[in-house]
C-alpha atoms as a PDB file:
ATOM      1  CA  MET A   1      73.397  52.015 105.663  1.00  0.00           C
ATOM      2  CA  VAL A   2      73.855  51.492 101.629  1.00  0.00           C
ATOM      3  CA  ILE A   3      72.290  54.841 100.514  1.00  0.00           C
ATOM      4  CA  THR A   4      75.726  56.192 101.961  1.00  0.00           C
ATOM      5  CA  GLY A   5      77.619  53.300 100.951  1.00  0.00           C
ATOM      6  CA  THR A   6      78.951  51.477 104.240  1.00  0.00           C
ATOM      7  CA  SER A   7      80.937  48.068 103.295  1.00  0.00           C
ATOM      8  CA  SER A   8      79.313  45.059 103.126  1.00  0.00           C
ATOM      9  CA  ARG A   9      80.451  43.388 105.733  1.00  0.00           C
ATOM     10  CA  ARG A  10      79.155  46.020 107.711  1.00  0.00           C
ATOM     11  CA  ILE A  11      75.899  45.782 106.472  1.00  0.00           C
ATOM     12  CA  ARG A  12      75.589  41.846 106.515  1.00  0.00           C
ATOM     13  CA  HIS A  13      76.502  42.143 110.210  1.00  0.00           C
ATOM     14  CA  TYR A  14      74.163  44.159 110.675  1.00  0.00           C
ATOM     15  CA  LEU A  15      71.394  42.525 109.119  1.00  0.00           C
ATOM     16  CA  HIS A  16      72.919  39.011 111.132  1.00  0.00           C
ATOM     17  CA  ARG A  17      72.805  41.491 114.888  1.00  0.00           C
ATOM     18  CA  TRP A  18      69.317  42.210 113.340  1.00  0.00           C
ATOM     19  CA  VAL A  19      68.216  39.055 113.058  1.00  0.00           C
ATOM     20  CA  MET A  20      69.652  37.801 115.586  1.00  0.00           C
ATOM     21  CA  TRP A  21      67.758  40.121 117.616  1.00  0.00           C
ATOM     22  CA  TRP A  22      64.494  39.772 115.891  1.00  0.00           C
ATOM     23  CA  THR A  23      65.074  35.397 117.114  1.00  0.00           C
ATOM     24  CA  MET A  24      66.188  35.969 120.364  1.00  0.00           C
ATOM     25  CA  THR A  25      63.214  37.632 121.340  1.00  0.00           C
ATOM     26  CA  SER A  26      60.183  35.769 119.990  1.00  0.00           C
ATOM     27  CA  ASN A  27      60.308  32.009 120.031  1.00  0.00           C
ATOM     28  CA  THR A  28      58.356  31.777 116.763  1.00  0.00           C
ATOM     29  CA  TRP A  29      60.828  33.091 114.838  1.00  0.00           C
ATOM     30  CA  HIS A  30      63.690  31.479 113.268  1.00  0.00           C
ATOM     31  CA  TYR A  31      66.852  32.619 111.873  1.00  0.00           C
ATOM     32  CA  GLN A  32      66.398  31.551 107.950  1.00  0.00           C
ATOM     33  CA  GLU A  33      62.178  32.395 107.968  1.00  0.00           C
ATOM     34  CA  LEU A  34      62.350  35.531 109.029  1.00  0.00           C
ATOM     35  CA  LEU A  35      65.625  36.401 106.765  1.00  0.00           C
ATOM     36  CA  ARG A  36      63.452  35.079 104.031  1.00  0.00           C
ATOM     37  CA  GLY A  37      60.692  37.325 105.007  1.00  0.00           C
ATOM     38  CA  PHE A  38      63.027  40.256 104.971  1.00  0.00           C
ATOM     39  CA  ILE A  39      64.066  39.600 101.255  1.00  0.00           C
ATOM     40  CA  ASP A  40      60.170  38.803 100.353  1.00  0.00           C
ATOM     41  CA  VAL A  41      59.298  42.239 101.642  1.00  0.00           C
ATOM     42  CA  CYS A  42      62.376  44.821 100.879  1.00  0.00           C
ATOM     43  CA  TRP A  43      61.955  47.033  97.824  1.00  0.00           C
ATOM     44  CA  HIS A  44      65.304  48.511  98.474  1.00  0.00           C
ATOM     45  CA  GLU A  45      67.303  46.069  95.446  1.00  0.00           C
ATOM     46  CA  GLN A  46      70.235  46.210  96.673  1.00  0.00           C
ATOM     47  CA  THR A  47      69.663  45.904 100.051  1.00  0.00           C
ATOM     48  CA  ALA A  48      68.085  42.349  99.493  1.00  0.00           C
ATOM     49  CA  ALA A  49      71.208  41.561  97.416  1.00  0.00           C
ATOM     50  CA  TYR A  50      72.801  41.986 100.613  1.00  0.00           C
ATOM     51  CA  ALA A  51      69.743  40.245 102.749  1.00  0.00           C
ATOM     52  CA  ALA A  52      70.242  37.126 100.201  1.00  0.00           C
ATOM     53  CA  GLY A  53      73.840  36.832 100.632  1.00  0.00           C
ATOM     54  CA  LEU A  54      73.862  36.617 104.341  1.00  0.00           C
ATOM     55  CA  HIS A  55      70.947  33.500 104.385  1.00  0.00           C
ATOM     56  CA  GLN A  56      73.468  32.085 102.167  1.00  0.00           C
ATOM     57  CA  LEU A  57      76.049  31.760 103.658  1.00  0.00           C
ATOM     58  CA  HIS A  58      74.400  30.844 106.865  1.00  0.00           C
ATOM     59  CA  VAL A  59      72.892  27.676 104.359  1.00  0.00           C
ATOM     60  CA  LYS A  60      76.398  26.839 103.593  1.00  0.00           C
ATOM     61  CA  GLU A  61      77.304  26.959 107.122  1.00  0.00           C
ATOM     62  CA  LEU A  62      74.516  25.308 108.452  1.00  0.00           C
ATOM     63  CA  HIS A  63      74.977  22.077 105.261  1.00  0.00           C
ATOM     64  CA  THR A  64      78.825  22.780 106.654  1.00  0.00           C
ATOM     65  CA  ARG A  65      78.115  22.034 110.167  1.00  0.00           C
ATOM     66  CA  SER A  66      75.324  19.183 109.288  1.00  0.00           C
ATOM     67  CA  VAL A  67      78.677  17.543 106.820  1.00  0.00           C
ATOM     68  CA  GLY A  68      81.001  17.977 109.877  1.00  0.00           C
ATOM     69  CA  ILE A  69      78.717  16.032 111.943  1.00  0.00           C
ATOM     70  CA  VAL A  70      77.704  13.332 110.281  1.00  0.00           C
ATOM     71  CA  GLY A  71      81.437  12.410 109.085  1.00  0.00           C
ATOM     72  CA  VAL A  72      82.059  12.238 113.317  1.00  0.00           C
ATOM     73  CA  ALA A  73      79.224  10.298 113.495  1.00  0.00           C
ATOM     74  CA  ALA A  74      80.039   7.443 110.842  1.00  0.00           C
END
């Protein structure tokens, strides 16, 4: 996908679906852990950058949710 010039959005969406599939397949793998492992072993720099961006989006989303929950509880 990266080599053929597919859009960034489609690449991130594909990676997200791929990680979600694997996390749903196993009780031992977690989203962030699996994505981080992919980034660590990915030899293609641009693909690793897409995965790192997806990881940052996921962390930001988790942070936003936790702030919202704390705000409601307070």
